[in-house]
Amino acid sequence: MNTNIFLILGGALSAIAGLAHLGVIVKGASWYRLFGAGEQFARAAERGERWQDVITFGIAVVLFAWAAYALSGAGVIGRLPLLRYALIIITAIYLLRGLVIVPMALLSFDKVTPFWVWSSLICLGFGVVHAIGLAQVWHRL
């Protein structure tokens, strides 16, 4: 099977995002703030609580799973179960998360923070990369 560069890139991007989430857990409050997780998460980390780390770890696990599915769709690793459906859902989630900034801006401009802008653009970019890759391999899924 030929490899697909867009899904390889999508897998790498998801893995990098997963690693960033693990970095936030390790670095604590300052990184929760840096990456825009919110003051509640940062303060919980400062108090030595762990619930925010569990949530962040869960997100990292999901991102690593998404990376595996992209790499499977790219032909880099073996075929994972429900590959076509998983790639559709992953792509849709990235695109929808990226586009959420539009209704936010229209309905409640005061809630649009720099975090929402840059994270939406990142997710939109991830979604576009996945969509291109998915379209290119659709016939063989």
Protein backbone atom coordinates (compact mmCIF):
# COMPACT_ATOMS: atom_id res chain seq x y z
CA MET A 1 0.00 0.00 0.00
CA ASN A 2 1.30 3.47 -0.89
CA THR A 3 1.70 5.94 1.95
CA ASN A 4 -0.23 9.19 2.11
CA ILE A 5 1.77 12.26 3.09
CA PHE A 6 -1.26 14.23 4.32
CA LEU A 7 -2.35 11.51 6.75
CA ILE A 8 1.26 11.04 7.85
CA LEU A 9 1.37 14.77 8.56
CA GLY A 10 -2.01 14.57 10.30
CA GLY A 11 -0.73 11.73 12.47
CA ALA A 12 2.41 13.68 13.33
CA LEU A 13 0.35 16.76 14.22
CA SER A 14 -1.94 14.77 16.51
CA ALA A 15 1.07 13.11 18.16
CA ILE A 16 2.73 16.49 18.71
CA ALA A 17 -0.48 17.80 20.26
CA GLY A 18 -0.56 14.70 22.50
CA LEU A 19 3.03 15.34 23.57
CA ALA A 20 2.19 18.99 24.30
CA HIS A 21 -0.62 17.83 26.58
CA LEU A 22 1.79 15.53 28.42
CA GLY A 23 4.20 18.46 28.72
CA VAL A 24 1.46 20.52 30.34
CA ILE A 25 0.99 17.82 32.98
CA VAL A 26 4.72 17.73 33.70
CA LYS A 27 5.25 21.51 33.73
CA GLY A 28 2.12 22.31 35.71
CA ALA A 29 0.32 25.59 36.30
CA SER A 30 2.50 27.81 34.13
CA TRP A 31 1.91 25.58 31.11
CA TYR A 32 -1.81 25.26 31.83
CA ARG A 33 -1.89 29.05 31.60
CA LEU A 34 0.45 29.23 28.59
CA PHE A 35 -1.68 26.83 26.58
CA GLY A 36 -4.94 28.49 27.60
CA ALA A 37 -6.46 25.69 29.64
CA GLY A 38 -7.98 28.20 32.01
CA GLU A 39 -7.29 29.60 35.42
CA GLN A 40 -9.28 26.85 37.14
CA PHE A 41 -6.89 24.22 35.78
CA ALA A 42 -3.82 26.29 36.63
CA ARG A 43 -4.96 26.95 40.20
CA ALA A 44 -5.81 23.29 40.71
CA ALA A 45 -2.29 22.39 39.59
CA GLU A 46 -0.84 24.94 42.03
CA ARG A 47 -2.85 23.37 44.85
CA GLY A 48 -1.44 19.96 43.97
CA GLU A 49 -4.75 18.57 42.76
CA ARG A 50 -4.71 15.94 40.04
CA TRP A 51 -8.15 16.03 38.39
CA GLN A 52 -6.92 18.47 35.74
CA ASP A 53 -4.00 16.16 34.98
CA VAL A 54 -6.37 13.22 34.52
CA ILE A 55 -8.46 15.23 32.04
CA THR A 56 -5.35 16.44 30.21
CA PHE A 57 -3.93 12.90 30.12
CA GLY A 58 -7.23 11.65 28.68
CA ILE A 59 -7.02 14.24 25.92
CA ALA A 60 -3.42 13.15 25.21
CA VAL A 61 -4.50 9.51 24.93
CA VAL A 62 -7.24 10.46 22.46
CA LEU A 63 -4.76 12.49 20.40
CA PHE A 64 -2.30 9.57 20.30
CA ALA A 65 -5.13 7.26 19.18
CA TRP A 66 -6.02 9.76 16.46
CA ALA A 67 -2.37 9.79 15.39
CA ALA A 68 -2.42 6.00 15.13
CA TYR A 69 -5.58 6.09 13.00
CA ALA A 70 -4.09 8.70 10.67
CA LEU A 71 -0.93 6.62 10.30
CA SER A 72 -3.03 3.53 9.66
CA GLY A 73 -4.99 5.36 6.98
CA ALA A 74 -1.71 6.57 5.51
CA GLY A 75 -0.49 3.00 5.19
CA VAL A 76 2.38 3.44 7.65
CA ILE A 77 1.05 0.98 10.23
CA GLY A 78 -1.40 -1.91 9.97
CA ARG A 79 -5.09 -1.40 9.41
CA LEU A 80 -6.94 -0.44 12.59
CA PRO A 81 -10.57 -1.40 13.24
CA LEU A 82 -13.29 0.84 11.79
CA LEU A 83 -10.62 2.87 10.03
CA ARG A 84 -12.87 4.70 7.56
CA TYR A 85 -15.39 5.70 10.23
CA ALA A 86 -12.71 6.73 12.68
CA LEU A 87 -11.00 8.96 10.13
CA ILE A 88 -14.32 10.57 9.20
CA ILE A 89 -15.08 11.29 12.86
CA ILE A 90 -11.56 12.55 13.64
CA THR A 91 -11.59 14.82 10.60
CA ALA A 92 -15.06 16.13 11.46
CA ILE A 93 -14.10 16.84 15.07
CA TYR A 94 -11.00 18.78 14.03
CA LEU A 95 -12.95 20.77 11.44
CA LEU A 96 -15.87 21.50 13.75
CA ARG A 97 -13.56 22.50 16.59
CA GLY A 98 -11.74 24.78 14.17
CA LEU A 99 -14.93 26.39 12.94
CA VAL A 100 -16.51 26.90 16.39
CA ILE A 101 -14.85 30.31 16.50
CA VAL A 102 -17.29 31.61 13.85
CA PRO A 103 -20.52 31.27 15.88
CA MET A 104 -18.64 32.29 19.01
CA ALA A 105 -17.56 35.50 17.34
CA LEU A 106 -21.03 36.18 15.99
CA LEU A 107 -22.97 35.35 19.15
CA SER A 108 -20.67 36.34 21.98
CA PHE A 109 -17.69 38.32 20.82
CA ASP A 110 -16.62 38.97 24.43
CA LYS A 111 -15.95 35.23 24.90
CA VAL A 112 -13.49 35.08 21.98
CA THR A 113 -10.05 35.05 23.56
CA PRO A 114 -6.68 34.75 21.84
CA PHE A 115 -6.63 31.10 22.97
CA TRP A 116 -9.87 30.40 21.10
CA VAL A 117 -8.57 32.10 17.98
CA TRP A 118 -5.22 30.34 17.73
CA SER A 119 -6.50 26.95 18.93
CA SER A 120 -9.35 27.14 16.41
CA LEU A 121 -6.92 27.93 13.60
CA ILE A 122 -4.70 25.02 14.64
CA CYS A 123 -7.64 22.60 14.76
CA LEU A 124 -8.93 23.88 11.44
CA GLY A 125 -5.50 23.29 9.90
CA PHE A 126 -5.36 19.78 11.37
CA GLY A 127 -8.83 19.11 9.98
CA VAL A 128 -7.95 20.33 6.50
CA VAL A 129 -4.82 18.15 6.45
CA HIS A 130 -6.87 15.13 7.53
CA ALA A 131 -9.63 15.91 5.01
CA ILE A 132 -7.19 16.09 2.11
CA GLY A 133 -5.52 12.85 3.17
CA LEU A 134 -8.85 11.12 3.71
CA ALA A 135 -10.10 12.18 0.28
CA GLN A 136 -6.93 10.83 -1.32
CA VAL A 137 -7.19 7.38 0.31
CA TRP A 138 -10.98 7.07 0.37
CA HIS A 139 -11.07 4.57 -2.48
CA ARG A 140 -8.89 2.08 -0.61
CA LEU A 141 -10.41 2.33 2.85
